[in-house]
Amino acid sequence: MRLTVFGATGGIGQEIVRQALAAGHHVTAVVRDPARFTVTGDGLDVFRADLRDPQALRPAVAGRDAVLSGLGARRKADAGVAARLTRSVLAAMEAERTRRLLVVSAAPLGTPAEREPLLDRAMTAVVGSVLKDIYADLRVMEDELARSATDWTAVRPPRLLDKPLTGRYRTVVGGNPRSARMIGRADVAHAMLAMTDDPATVGQGVGVAY
């Protein structure tokens, strides 16, 4: 497939690029600062752009089979960046009539699992209170997705870890796995690539966790 990756210098974005290249896909990595992007490989194009400018992003999404985004706040002070930059991506995609979009969101935005243990509910509430601005940003982003003309999927992981790819994780379309506490960034990337051509995930939030 011909894929475009936003947030390609981030932990999940870099994993998406690496795994997609290893699978033989052609990948366009969109970055603001190419010096921060160290991934190399056959089938890779690095596209430098101002992510705030939808017109500048149009060549990066034109004719692509799917767009995958790891854009989001890396600290509380960055709250607002996910919605703002995803809005630019959506505008560029709609102008080019590129349909498939997968983004990283967060587990607290999903529907809790049935019979979720009390401890897990309490942990989610505490984290939600601490990171409320980041989650509010992600809710706005998901609202933008729902109003768009794209075939979108919001992938909702819990706490992210730097762990090697395992390929062993749980997914729930429209909700969260029970006791969804953590997952490695490499496995989130793996799940996103697996969902790219899965019609059951279109227009859905998908919980993913170990």
N, C-alpha and C. Protein backbone atom coordinates (compact mmCIF):
# COMPACT_ATOMS: atom_id res chain seq x y z
N MET A 1 0.83 -1.20 0.00
CA MET A 1 0.00 0.00 0.00
C MET A 1 0.87 1.25 0.00
N ARG A 2 0.27 2.35 -0.39
CA ARG A 2 0.90 3.66 -0.30
C ARG A 2 0.34 4.35 0.94
N LEU A 3 1.21 4.55 1.93
CA LEU A 3 0.79 5.06 3.23
C LEU A 3 1.48 6.38 3.53
N THR A 4 0.79 7.24 4.25
CA THR A 4 1.39 8.47 4.77
C THR A 4 1.29 8.44 6.29
N VAL A 5 2.37 8.83 6.97
CA VAL A 5 2.42 8.80 8.42
C VAL A 5 2.70 10.21 8.94
N PHE A 6 1.79 10.72 9.77
CA PHE A 6 2.00 11.97 10.47
C PHE A 6 2.46 11.66 11.89
N GLY A 7 3.23 12.60 12.48
CA GLY A 7 3.80 12.32 13.78
C GLY A 7 4.88 11.26 13.68
N ALA A 8 5.60 11.26 12.56
CA ALA A 8 6.54 10.18 12.27
C ALA A 8 7.79 10.22 13.14
N THR A 9 8.05 11.33 13.84
CA THR A 9 9.20 11.38 14.74
C THR A 9 8.86 10.91 16.14
N GLY A 10 7.58 10.68 16.43
CA GLY A 10 7.16 10.20 17.75
C GLY A 10 7.35 8.70 17.89
N GLY A 11 7.15 8.21 19.11
CA GLY A 11 7.38 6.80 19.38
C GLY A 11 6.51 5.87 18.56
N ILE A 12 5.21 6.13 18.49
CA ILE A 12 4.32 5.29 17.69
C ILE A 12 4.54 5.54 16.21
N GLY A 13 4.70 6.80 15.82
CA GLY A 13 4.89 7.12 14.41
C GLY A 13 6.11 6.44 13.82
N GLN A 14 7.23 6.46 14.53
CA GLN A 14 8.43 5.80 14.03
C GLN A 14 8.21 4.30 13.88
N GLU A 15 7.48 3.70 14.83
CA GLU A 15 7.20 2.27 14.74
C GLU A 15 6.30 1.95 13.55
N ILE A 16 5.33 2.82 13.28
CA ILE A 16 4.48 2.61 12.10
C ILE A 16 5.34 2.61 10.84
N VAL A 17 6.22 3.59 10.74
CA VAL A 17 7.07 3.69 9.54
C VAL A 17 7.94 2.44 9.41
N ARG A 18 8.62 2.05 10.48
CA ARG A 18 9.51 0.88 10.42
C ARG A 18 8.76 -0.39 10.03
N GLN A 19 7.64 -0.62 10.68
CA GLN A 19 6.90 -1.85 10.41
C GLN A 19 6.28 -1.84 9.02
N ALA A 20 5.80 -0.68 8.58
CA ALA A 20 5.23 -0.60 7.24
C ALA A 20 6.28 -0.85 6.17
N LEU A 21 7.46 -0.29 6.35
CA LEU A 21 8.55 -0.54 5.40
C LEU A 21 8.94 -2.01 5.38
N ALA A 22 9.02 -2.61 6.57
CA ALA A 22 9.38 -4.03 6.66
C ALA A 22 8.35 -4.92 5.96
N ALA A 23 7.10 -4.46 5.92
CA ALA A 23 6.03 -5.22 5.25
C ALA A 23 5.98 -4.96 3.75
N GLY A 24 6.85 -4.06 3.26
CA GLY A 24 6.91 -3.80 1.84
C GLY A 24 6.04 -2.68 1.34
N HIS A 25 5.48 -1.88 2.24
CA HIS A 25 4.66 -0.75 1.82
C HIS A 25 5.54 0.44 1.43
N HIS A 26 4.98 1.33 0.63
CA HIS A 26 5.64 2.61 0.33
C HIS A 26 5.13 3.62 1.34
N VAL A 27 6.05 4.31 2.03
CA VAL A 27 5.69 5.18 3.14
C VAL A 27 6.19 6.60 2.91
N THR A 28 5.30 7.56 3.11
CA THR A 28 5.67 8.97 3.16
C THR A 28 5.59 9.41 4.62
N ALA A 29 6.73 9.80 5.17
CA ALA A 29 6.78 10.27 6.56
C ALA A 29 6.77 11.79 6.56
N VAL A 30 5.73 12.38 7.15
CA VAL A 30 5.60 13.84 7.19
C VAL A 30 6.20 14.35 8.49
N VAL A 31 7.18 15.24 8.37
CA VAL A 31 7.89 15.75 9.55
C VAL A 31 8.07 17.26 9.44
N ARG A 32 8.20 17.90 10.58
CA ARG A 32 8.55 19.32 10.59
C ARG A 32 10.06 19.52 10.55
N ASP A 33 10.80 18.60 11.17
CA ASP A 33 12.26 18.71 11.24
C ASP A 33 12.89 17.39 10.82
N PRO A 34 13.33 17.26 9.56
CA PRO A 34 13.92 16.00 9.10
C PRO A 34 15.12 15.54 9.92
N ALA A 35 15.82 16.47 10.59
CA ALA A 35 16.99 16.10 11.39
C ALA A 35 16.60 15.20 12.57
N ARG A 36 15.34 15.28 12.99
CA ARG A 36 14.88 14.46 14.11
C ARG A 36 14.38 13.09 13.67
N PHE A 37 14.37 12.85 12.37
CA PHE A 37 13.82 11.60 11.85
C PHE A 37 14.97 10.72 11.38
N THR A 38 15.15 9.58 12.02
CA THR A 38 16.33 8.75 11.76
C THR A 38 16.03 7.46 11.02
N VAL A 39 14.77 7.18 10.73
CA VAL A 39 14.41 5.94 10.05
C VAL A 39 14.83 6.03 8.58
N THR A 40 15.37 4.95 8.06
CA THR A 40 15.74 4.87 6.65
C THR A 40 15.22 3.56 6.07
N GLY A 41 15.19 3.48 4.76
CA GLY A 41 14.77 2.23 4.11
C GLY A 41 14.24 2.44 2.72
N ASP A 42 14.26 1.37 1.95
CA ASP A 42 13.69 1.43 0.60
C ASP A 42 12.19 1.67 0.69
N GLY A 43 11.68 2.49 -0.20
CA GLY A 43 10.25 2.77 -0.21
C GLY A 43 9.84 3.89 0.72
N LEU A 44 10.83 4.63 1.26
CA LEU A 44 10.52 5.71 2.19
C LEU A 44 10.78 7.06 1.56
N ASP A 45 9.80 7.96 1.67
CA ASP A 45 9.95 9.37 1.31
C ASP A 45 9.74 10.20 2.57
N VAL A 46 10.62 11.17 2.78
CA VAL A 46 10.47 12.09 3.90
C VAL A 46 9.96 13.42 3.36
N PHE A 47 8.82 13.86 3.88
CA PHE A 47 8.13 15.04 3.38
C PHE A 47 8.13 16.09 4.47
N ARG A 48 8.82 17.19 4.24
CA ARG A 48 8.88 18.26 5.23
C ARG A 48 7.73 19.23 4.99
N ALA A 49 7.00 19.56 6.07
CA ALA A 49 5.84 20.45 5.90
C ALA A 49 5.49 21.12 7.21
N ASP A 50 4.85 22.27 7.08
CA ASP A 50 4.23 22.94 8.22
C ASP A 50 2.88 22.28 8.44
N LEU A 51 2.73 21.56 9.54
CA LEU A 51 1.52 20.78 9.77
C LEU A 51 0.30 21.64 10.02
N ARG A 52 0.50 22.92 10.20
CA ARG A 52 -0.65 23.81 10.42
C ARG A 52 -1.28 24.27 9.11
N ASP A 53 -0.67 23.94 7.98
CA ASP A 53 -1.11 24.43 6.68
C ASP A 53 -1.67 23.29 5.84
N PRO A 54 -3.01 23.16 5.74
CA PRO A 54 -3.58 22.06 4.97
C PRO A 54 -3.14 22.03 3.52
N GLN A 55 -2.96 23.18 2.91
CA GLN A 55 -2.53 23.21 1.51
C GLN A 55 -1.15 22.58 1.35
N ALA A 56 -0.27 22.82 2.31
CA ALA A 56 1.07 22.25 2.25
C ALA A 56 1.06 20.73 2.41
N LEU A 57 0.00 20.21 3.03
CA LEU A 57 -0.07 18.77 3.28
C LEU A 57 -0.71 17.99 2.14
N ARG A 58 -1.36 18.68 1.23
CA ARG A 58 -2.09 17.96 0.18
C ARG A 58 -1.23 17.01 -0.65
N PRO A 59 -0.01 17.41 -1.06
CA PRO A 59 0.81 16.45 -1.83
C PRO A 59 1.18 15.20 -1.03
N ALA A 60 1.23 15.33 0.27
CA ALA A 60 1.61 14.18 1.10
C ALA A 60 0.50 13.15 1.23
N VAL A 61 -0.75 13.55 1.02
CA VAL A 61 -1.87 12.61 1.19
C VAL A 61 -2.53 12.23 -0.13
N ALA A 62 -2.18 12.93 -1.21
CA ALA A 62 -2.82 12.66 -2.50
C ALA A 62 -2.49 11.25 -2.98
N GLY A 63 -3.53 10.51 -3.37
CA GLY A 63 -3.35 9.19 -3.96
C GLY A 63 -2.93 8.12 -2.98
N ARG A 64 -3.03 8.37 -1.68
CA ARG A 64 -2.60 7.37 -0.70
C ARG A 64 -3.74 6.40 -0.38
N ASP A 65 -3.37 5.17 -0.06
CA ASP A 65 -4.36 4.18 0.36
C ASP A 65 -4.84 4.43 1.77
N ALA A 66 -3.94 4.97 2.60
CA ALA A 66 -4.32 5.26 3.99
C ALA A 66 -3.35 6.28 4.58
N VAL A 67 -3.87 7.01 5.55
CA VAL A 67 -3.06 7.96 6.33
C VAL A 67 -3.14 7.52 7.79
N LEU A 68 -1.98 7.43 8.44
CA LEU A 68 -1.91 7.04 9.85
C LEU A 68 -1.25 8.15 10.63
N SER A 69 -1.83 8.50 11.77
CA SER A 69 -1.35 9.65 12.52
C SER A 69 -1.06 9.30 13.97
N GLY A 70 0.14 9.68 14.40
CA GLY A 70 0.51 9.59 15.81
C GLY A 70 0.56 10.95 16.45
N LEU A 71 -0.07 11.94 15.84
CA LEU A 71 -0.03 13.30 16.36
C LEU A 71 -0.74 13.41 17.70
N GLY A 72 -0.16 14.17 18.59
CA GLY A 72 -0.79 14.38 19.89
C GLY A 72 0.15 15.06 20.86
N ALA A 73 -0.40 15.46 21.98
CA ALA A 73 0.40 16.16 22.99
C ALA A 73 1.35 15.18 23.67
N ARG A 74 2.59 15.60 23.86
CA ARG A 74 3.56 14.79 24.59
C ARG A 74 3.68 15.22 26.04
N ARG A 75 3.11 16.36 26.37
CA ARG A 75 3.07 16.85 27.75
C ARG A 75 1.83 17.72 27.90
N LYS A 76 1.44 17.97 29.14
CA LYS A 76 0.19 18.70 29.39
C LYS A 76 0.19 20.09 28.76
N ALA A 77 1.36 20.71 28.69
CA ALA A 77 1.44 22.05 28.12
C ALA A 77 1.10 22.07 26.63
N ASP A 78 1.16 20.89 25.98
CA ASP A 78 0.88 20.81 24.54
C ASP A 78 -0.59 20.53 24.25
N ALA A 79 -1.43 20.48 25.26
CA ALA A 79 -2.84 20.17 25.05
C ALA A 79 -3.44 21.11 24.01
N GLY A 80 -4.16 20.53 23.06
CA GLY A 80 -4.74 21.28 21.96
C GLY A 80 -4.13 20.93 20.62
N VAL A 81 -2.91 20.33 20.67
CA VAL A 81 -2.20 20.07 19.42
C VAL A 81 -2.86 18.96 18.60
N ALA A 82 -3.43 17.96 19.26
CA ALA A 82 -4.02 16.83 18.51
C ALA A 82 -5.18 17.31 17.64
N ALA A 83 -6.10 18.06 18.22
CA ALA A 83 -7.25 18.56 17.45
C ALA A 83 -6.81 19.53 16.37
N ARG A 84 -5.90 20.43 16.73
CA ARG A 84 -5.49 21.47 15.79
C ARG A 84 -4.79 20.88 14.56
N LEU A 85 -3.85 19.98 14.78
CA LEU A 85 -3.10 19.42 13.65
C LEU A 85 -3.92 18.39 12.88
N THR A 86 -4.76 17.63 13.59
CA THR A 86 -5.61 16.67 12.89
C THR A 86 -6.61 17.39 12.00
N ARG A 87 -7.04 18.56 12.41
CA ARG A 87 -7.93 19.36 11.57
C ARG A 87 -7.27 19.69 10.24
N SER A 88 -5.98 20.00 10.27
CA SER A 88 -5.25 20.29 9.03
C SER A 88 -5.15 19.04 8.15
N VAL A 89 -4.88 17.89 8.78
CA VAL A 89 -4.79 16.63 8.03
C VAL A 89 -6.13 16.32 7.37
N LEU A 90 -7.22 16.49 8.11
CA LEU A 90 -8.55 16.22 7.56
C LEU A 90 -8.84 17.13 6.37
N ALA A 91 -8.51 18.40 6.49
CA ALA A 91 -8.77 19.33 5.39
C ALA A 91 -7.99 18.94 4.15
N ALA A 92 -6.73 18.54 4.33
CA ALA A 92 -5.92 18.11 3.19
C ALA A 92 -6.47 16.84 2.56
N MET A 93 -6.88 15.88 3.40
CA MET A 93 -7.42 14.63 2.88
C MET A 93 -8.72 14.84 2.14
N GLU A 94 -9.59 15.68 2.69
CA GLU A 94 -10.87 15.91 2.03
C GLU A 94 -10.68 16.64 0.70
N ALA A 95 -9.69 17.54 0.64
CA ALA A 95 -9.41 18.23 -0.62
C ALA A 95 -8.91 17.26 -1.68
N GLU A 96 -8.18 16.23 -1.25
CA GLU A 96 -7.63 15.25 -2.20
C GLU A 96 -8.49 14.00 -2.33
N ARG A 97 -9.59 13.96 -1.59
CA ARG A 97 -10.51 12.82 -1.60
C ARG A 97 -9.81 11.52 -1.19
N THR A 98 -8.91 11.65 -0.25
CA THR A 98 -8.26 10.48 0.36
C THR A 98 -9.11 10.06 1.55
N ARG A 99 -9.46 8.79 1.63
CA ARG A 99 -10.53 8.38 2.55
C ARG A 99 -10.05 7.82 3.89
N ARG A 100 -9.08 6.93 3.88
CA ARG A 100 -8.80 6.15 5.09
C ARG A 100 -7.84 6.87 6.02
N LEU A 101 -8.26 7.02 7.29
CA LEU A 101 -7.46 7.72 8.29
C LEU A 101 -7.54 6.97 9.61
N LEU A 102 -6.37 6.69 10.19
CA LEU A 102 -6.29 6.09 11.52
C LEU A 102 -5.46 6.99 12.42
N VAL A 103 -5.97 7.28 13.61
CA VAL A 103 -5.28 8.19 14.53
C VAL A 103 -5.13 7.52 15.90
N VAL A 104 -4.17 8.03 16.68
CA VAL A 104 -4.00 7.58 18.05
C VAL A 104 -4.81 8.48 18.97
N SER A 105 -5.67 7.88 19.78
CA SER A 105 -6.41 8.61 20.79
C SER A 105 -6.01 8.03 22.15
N ALA A 106 -6.95 7.76 23.06
CA ALA A 106 -6.60 7.25 24.38
C ALA A 106 -7.74 6.44 24.96
N ALA A 107 -7.39 5.43 25.76
CA ALA A 107 -8.38 4.50 26.32
C ALA A 107 -9.47 5.19 27.15
N PRO A 108 -9.17 6.23 27.94
CA PRO A 108 -10.24 6.84 28.74
C PRO A 108 -11.39 7.42 27.92
N LEU A 109 -11.21 7.61 26.61
CA LEU A 109 -12.30 8.10 25.78
C LEU A 109 -13.24 6.98 25.36
N GLY A 110 -12.84 5.74 25.59
CA GLY A 110 -13.66 4.62 25.18
C GLY A 110 -14.66 4.20 26.23
N THR A 111 -15.59 3.34 25.84
CA THR A 111 -16.59 2.80 26.76
C THR A 111 -15.93 1.75 27.65
N PRO A 112 -16.07 1.86 28.98
CA PRO A 112 -15.47 0.86 29.87
C PRO A 112 -16.00 -0.53 29.58
N ALA A 113 -15.14 -1.51 29.81
CA ALA A 113 -15.55 -2.89 29.61
C ALA A 113 -16.61 -3.29 30.64
N GLU A 114 -17.44 -4.26 30.26
CA GLU A 114 -18.41 -4.78 31.22
C GLU A 114 -17.66 -5.45 32.38
N ARG A 115 -18.19 -5.28 33.57
CA ARG A 115 -17.59 -5.87 34.78
C ARG A 115 -16.14 -5.42 34.96
N GLU A 116 -15.88 -4.18 34.62
CA GLU A 116 -14.53 -3.63 34.83
C GLU A 116 -14.24 -3.61 36.33
N PRO A 117 -13.10 -4.15 36.76
CA PRO A 117 -12.77 -4.15 38.20
C PRO A 117 -12.76 -2.74 38.77
N LEU A 118 -13.16 -2.62 40.03
CA LEU A 118 -13.24 -1.33 40.68
C LEU A 118 -11.89 -0.61 40.67
N LEU A 119 -10.79 -1.34 40.88
CA LEU A 119 -9.46 -0.74 40.88
C LEU A 119 -9.15 -0.09 39.54
N ASP A 120 -9.51 -0.76 38.45
CA ASP A 120 -9.24 -0.20 37.13
C ASP A 120 -10.09 1.03 36.86
N ARG A 121 -11.33 1.02 37.32
CA ARG A 121 -12.17 2.21 37.17
C ARG A 121 -11.59 3.38 37.96
N ALA A 122 -11.10 3.09 39.16
CA ALA A 122 -10.52 4.15 39.98
C ALA A 122 -9.25 4.70 39.34
N MET A 123 -8.42 3.83 38.79
CA MET A 123 -7.19 4.28 38.13
C MET A 123 -7.50 5.17 36.94
N THR A 124 -8.51 4.78 36.15
CA THR A 124 -8.91 5.58 34.99
C THR A 124 -9.39 6.96 35.41
N ALA A 125 -10.15 7.01 36.51
CA ALA A 125 -10.66 8.30 36.99
C ALA A 125 -9.52 9.21 37.44
N VAL A 126 -8.53 8.64 38.11
CA VAL A 126 -7.39 9.44 38.59
C VAL A 126 -6.59 9.97 37.41
N VAL A 127 -6.27 9.10 36.47
CA VAL A 127 -5.51 9.52 35.29
C VAL A 127 -6.29 10.56 34.50
N GLY A 128 -7.59 10.36 34.37
CA GLY A 128 -8.42 11.31 33.65
C GLY A 128 -8.43 12.68 34.29
N SER A 129 -8.35 12.73 35.60
CA SER A 129 -8.31 14.01 36.30
C SER A 129 -6.98 14.71 36.09
N VAL A 130 -5.89 13.96 36.15
CA VAL A 130 -4.55 14.54 35.98
C VAL A 130 -4.34 15.04 34.56
N LEU A 131 -4.83 14.28 33.59
CA LEU A 131 -4.58 14.60 32.18
C LEU A 131 -5.84 15.11 31.49
N LYS A 132 -6.69 15.79 32.24
CA LYS A 132 -7.99 16.19 31.69
C LYS A 132 -7.87 17.08 30.46
N ASP A 133 -6.86 17.96 30.41
CA ASP A 133 -6.72 18.85 29.25
C ASP A 133 -6.33 18.08 28.00
N ILE A 134 -5.45 17.09 28.17
CA ILE A 134 -5.06 16.27 27.03
C ILE A 134 -6.24 15.46 26.52
N TYR A 135 -7.03 14.89 27.43
CA TYR A 135 -8.18 14.10 27.00
C TYR A 135 -9.27 14.98 26.39
N ALA A 136 -9.42 16.20 26.88
CA ALA A 136 -10.37 17.12 26.26
C ALA A 136 -9.96 17.42 24.83
N ASP A 137 -8.66 17.58 24.61
CA ASP A 137 -8.13 17.79 23.26
C ASP A 137 -8.46 16.60 22.37
N LEU A 138 -8.26 15.40 22.87
CA LEU A 138 -8.54 14.20 22.08
C LEU A 138 -10.03 14.05 21.79
N ARG A 139 -10.89 14.47 22.73
CA ARG A 139 -12.34 14.43 22.46
C ARG A 139 -12.71 15.36 21.32
N VAL A 140 -12.12 16.54 21.32
CA VAL A 140 -12.36 17.46 20.21
C VAL A 140 -11.88 16.85 18.91
N MET A 141 -10.70 16.23 18.94
CA MET A 141 -10.18 15.57 17.75
C MET A 141 -11.15 14.50 17.24
N GLU A 142 -11.65 13.67 18.15
CA GLU A 142 -12.56 12.61 17.73
C GLU A 142 -13.87 13.19 17.19
N ASP A 143 -14.33 14.29 17.75
CA ASP A 143 -15.52 14.95 17.21
C ASP A 143 -15.27 15.43 15.79
N GLU A 144 -14.07 15.96 15.55
CA GLU A 144 -13.71 16.39 14.19
C GLU A 144 -13.71 15.20 13.23
N LEU A 145 -13.19 14.08 13.68
CA LEU A 145 -13.20 12.87 12.85
C LEU A 145 -14.62 12.47 12.48
N ALA A 146 -15.50 12.47 13.49
CA ALA A 146 -16.87 12.03 13.27
C ALA A 146 -17.61 12.93 12.28
N ARG A 147 -17.24 14.20 12.22
CA ARG A 147 -17.89 15.13 11.29
C ARG A 147 -17.25 15.12 9.90
N SER A 148 -16.15 14.43 9.75
CA SER A 148 -15.41 14.47 8.50
C SER A 148 -15.98 13.50 7.47
N ALA A 149 -15.46 13.61 6.25
CA ALA A 149 -15.87 12.71 5.17
C ALA A 149 -14.94 11.51 5.05
N THR A 150 -14.05 11.32 6.03
CA THR A 150 -13.08 10.24 5.95
C THR A 150 -13.63 8.94 6.54
N ASP A 151 -12.98 7.85 6.19
CA ASP A 151 -13.24 6.55 6.81
C ASP A 151 -12.25 6.41 7.97
N TRP A 152 -12.63 6.95 9.12
CA TRP A 152 -11.69 7.11 10.21
C TRP A 152 -11.76 5.98 11.22
N THR A 153 -10.67 5.81 11.95
CA THR A 153 -10.61 4.93 13.11
C THR A 153 -9.77 5.62 14.18
N ALA A 154 -10.27 5.68 15.40
CA ALA A 154 -9.51 6.22 16.53
C ALA A 154 -9.03 5.04 17.38
N VAL A 155 -7.74 4.84 17.42
CA VAL A 155 -7.15 3.74 18.17
C VAL A 155 -6.84 4.24 19.58
N ARG A 156 -7.37 3.55 20.60
CA ARG A 156 -7.35 4.06 21.97
C ARG A 156 -6.53 3.17 22.90
N PRO A 157 -5.23 3.43 23.01
CA PRO A 157 -4.41 2.65 23.94
C PRO A 157 -4.45 3.22 25.35
N PRO A 158 -4.14 2.40 26.36
CA PRO A 158 -3.94 2.91 27.72
C PRO A 158 -2.49 3.40 27.87
N ARG A 159 -1.89 3.21 29.04
CA ARG A 159 -0.52 3.70 29.28
C ARG A 159 0.45 3.06 28.29
N LEU A 160 1.28 3.90 27.69
CA LEU A 160 2.20 3.46 26.65
C LEU A 160 3.57 3.11 27.22
N LEU A 161 4.14 2.03 26.72
CA LEU A 161 5.44 1.56 27.15
C LEU A 161 6.38 1.48 25.95
N ASP A 162 7.68 1.60 26.22
CA ASP A 162 8.69 1.34 25.19
C ASP A 162 9.12 -0.11 25.32
N LYS A 163 8.45 -0.97 24.57
CA LYS A 163 8.72 -2.41 24.60
C LYS A 163 8.84 -2.93 23.18
N PRO A 164 9.58 -4.01 22.97
CA PRO A 164 9.66 -4.61 21.64
C PRO A 164 8.29 -5.12 21.17
N LEU A 165 8.14 -5.21 19.87
CA LEU A 165 6.91 -5.72 19.29
C LEU A 165 6.65 -7.15 19.74
N THR A 166 5.42 -7.41 20.19
CA THR A 166 5.02 -8.77 20.54
C THR A 166 3.98 -9.33 19.58
N GLY A 167 3.11 -8.46 19.07
CA GLY A 167 2.02 -8.92 18.23
C GLY A 167 0.91 -9.60 19.03
N ARG A 168 1.03 -9.56 20.36
CA ARG A 168 0.02 -10.21 21.22
C ARG A 168 -0.65 -9.14 22.06
N TYR A 169 -1.87 -8.81 21.71
CA TYR A 169 -2.63 -7.78 22.41
C TYR A 169 -4.11 -8.01 22.13
N ARG A 170 -4.95 -7.30 22.87
CA ARG A 170 -6.40 -7.44 22.70
C ARG A 170 -6.96 -6.17 22.06
N THR A 171 -7.95 -6.33 21.23
CA THR A 171 -8.65 -5.17 20.65
C THR A 171 -10.15 -5.34 20.85
N VAL A 172 -10.82 -4.20 21.06
CA VAL A 172 -12.28 -4.19 21.17
C VAL A 172 -12.80 -3.03 20.34
N VAL A 173 -13.59 -3.33 19.33
CA VAL A 173 -14.18 -2.29 18.49
C VAL A 173 -15.35 -1.68 19.25
N GLY A 174 -15.31 -0.35 19.43
CA GLY A 174 -16.38 0.35 20.12
C GLY A 174 -16.28 0.33 21.63
N GLY A 175 -15.15 -0.12 22.16
CA GLY A 175 -15.00 -0.17 23.61
C GLY A 175 -13.55 -0.42 23.98
N ASN A 176 -13.35 -0.84 25.23
CA ASN A 176 -12.01 -1.14 25.72
C ASN A 176 -11.93 -2.58 26.20
N PRO A 177 -10.76 -3.21 26.06
CA PRO A 177 -10.57 -4.51 26.69
C PRO A 177 -10.69 -4.39 28.22
N ARG A 178 -11.09 -5.45 28.86
CA ARG A 178 -11.19 -5.46 30.32
C ARG A 178 -9.81 -5.28 30.94
N SER A 179 -9.73 -4.46 31.98
CA SER A 179 -8.46 -4.19 32.67
C SER A 179 -7.36 -3.77 31.69
N ALA A 180 -7.71 -2.81 30.83
CA ALA A 180 -6.73 -2.30 29.84
C ALA A 180 -5.80 -1.33 30.54
N ARG A 181 -4.62 -1.79 30.90
CA ARG A 181 -3.71 -0.98 31.70
C ARG A 181 -2.50 -0.47 30.94
N MET A 182 -2.00 -1.22 29.95
CA MET A 182 -0.78 -0.80 29.28
C MET A 182 -0.63 -1.52 27.95
N ILE A 183 0.25 -0.96 27.12
CA ILE A 183 0.62 -1.59 25.84
C ILE A 183 1.87 -0.90 25.32
N GLY A 184 2.69 -1.62 24.59
CA GLY A 184 3.89 -1.05 24.00
C GLY A 184 3.56 -0.24 22.75
N ARG A 185 4.36 0.80 22.51
CA ARG A 185 4.14 1.63 21.32
C ARG A 185 4.27 0.82 20.03
N ALA A 186 5.18 -0.14 20.01
CA ALA A 186 5.35 -0.97 18.82
C ALA A 186 4.10 -1.79 18.53
N ASP A 187 3.42 -2.25 19.57
CA ASP A 187 2.20 -3.03 19.35
C ASP A 187 1.03 -2.14 18.95
N VAL A 188 0.99 -0.89 19.43
CA VAL A 188 -0.03 0.04 18.93
C VAL A 188 0.16 0.25 17.43
N ALA A 189 1.40 0.46 17.01
CA ALA A 189 1.68 0.63 15.59
C ALA A 189 1.26 -0.60 14.80
N HIS A 190 1.56 -1.78 15.33
CA HIS A 190 1.18 -3.04 14.67
C HIS A 190 -0.33 -3.14 14.52
N ALA A 191 -1.05 -2.76 15.58
CA ALA A 191 -2.51 -2.82 15.53
C ALA A 191 -3.06 -1.84 14.49
N MET A 192 -2.49 -0.65 14.43
CA MET A 192 -2.96 0.34 13.46
C MET A 192 -2.77 -0.14 12.04
N LEU A 193 -1.63 -0.73 11.76
CA LEU A 193 -1.39 -1.25 10.41
C LEU A 193 -2.34 -2.40 10.09
N ALA A 194 -2.63 -3.23 11.08
CA ALA A 194 -3.55 -4.34 10.87
C ALA A 194 -4.97 -3.86 10.61
N MET A 195 -5.35 -2.73 11.20
CA MET A 195 -6.70 -2.19 11.03
C MET A 195 -6.86 -1.40 9.73
N THR A 196 -5.78 -1.10 9.07
CA THR A 196 -5.85 -0.20 7.91
C THR A 196 -6.85 -0.66 6.86
N ASP A 197 -6.89 -1.96 6.62
CA ASP A 197 -7.83 -2.47 5.60
C ASP A 197 -8.93 -3.32 6.24
N ASP A 198 -9.27 -3.03 7.51
CA ASP A 198 -10.33 -3.75 8.21
C ASP A 198 -11.59 -2.89 8.23
N PRO A 199 -12.61 -3.21 7.43
CA PRO A 199 -13.80 -2.38 7.37
C PRO A 199 -14.57 -2.33 8.67
N ALA A 200 -14.39 -3.31 9.55
CA ALA A 200 -15.13 -3.33 10.82
C ALA A 200 -14.70 -2.20 11.75
N THR A 201 -13.54 -1.61 11.49
CA THR A 201 -13.04 -0.54 12.37
C THR A 201 -13.36 0.85 11.84
N VAL A 202 -13.95 0.96 10.68
CA VAL A 202 -14.24 2.27 10.09
C VAL A 202 -15.33 2.97 10.89
N GLY A 203 -15.09 4.25 11.24
CA GLY A 203 -16.05 5.02 12.00
C GLY A 203 -16.16 4.58 13.44
N GLN A 204 -15.09 3.98 13.97
CA GLN A 204 -15.14 3.40 15.31
C GLN A 204 -13.92 3.84 16.12
N GLY A 205 -14.11 3.87 17.45
CA GLY A 205 -12.99 3.87 18.36
C GLY A 205 -12.67 2.43 18.69
N VAL A 206 -11.38 2.11 18.73
CA VAL A 206 -10.97 0.73 18.99
C VAL A 206 -9.99 0.71 20.16
N GLY A 207 -10.38 0.05 21.25
CA GLY A 207 -9.49 -0.10 22.38
C GLY A 207 -8.46 -1.17 22.10
N VAL A 208 -7.23 -0.94 22.52
CA VAL A 208 -6.15 -1.91 22.31
C VAL A 208 -5.28 -1.94 23.55
N ALA A 209 -4.98 -3.14 24.04
CA ALA A 209 -4.20 -3.28 25.28
C ALA A 209 -3.69 -4.71 25.39
N TYR A 210 -2.68 -4.90 26.25
CA TYR A 210 -2.21 -6.26 26.54
C TYR A 210 -3.26 -6.99 27.36
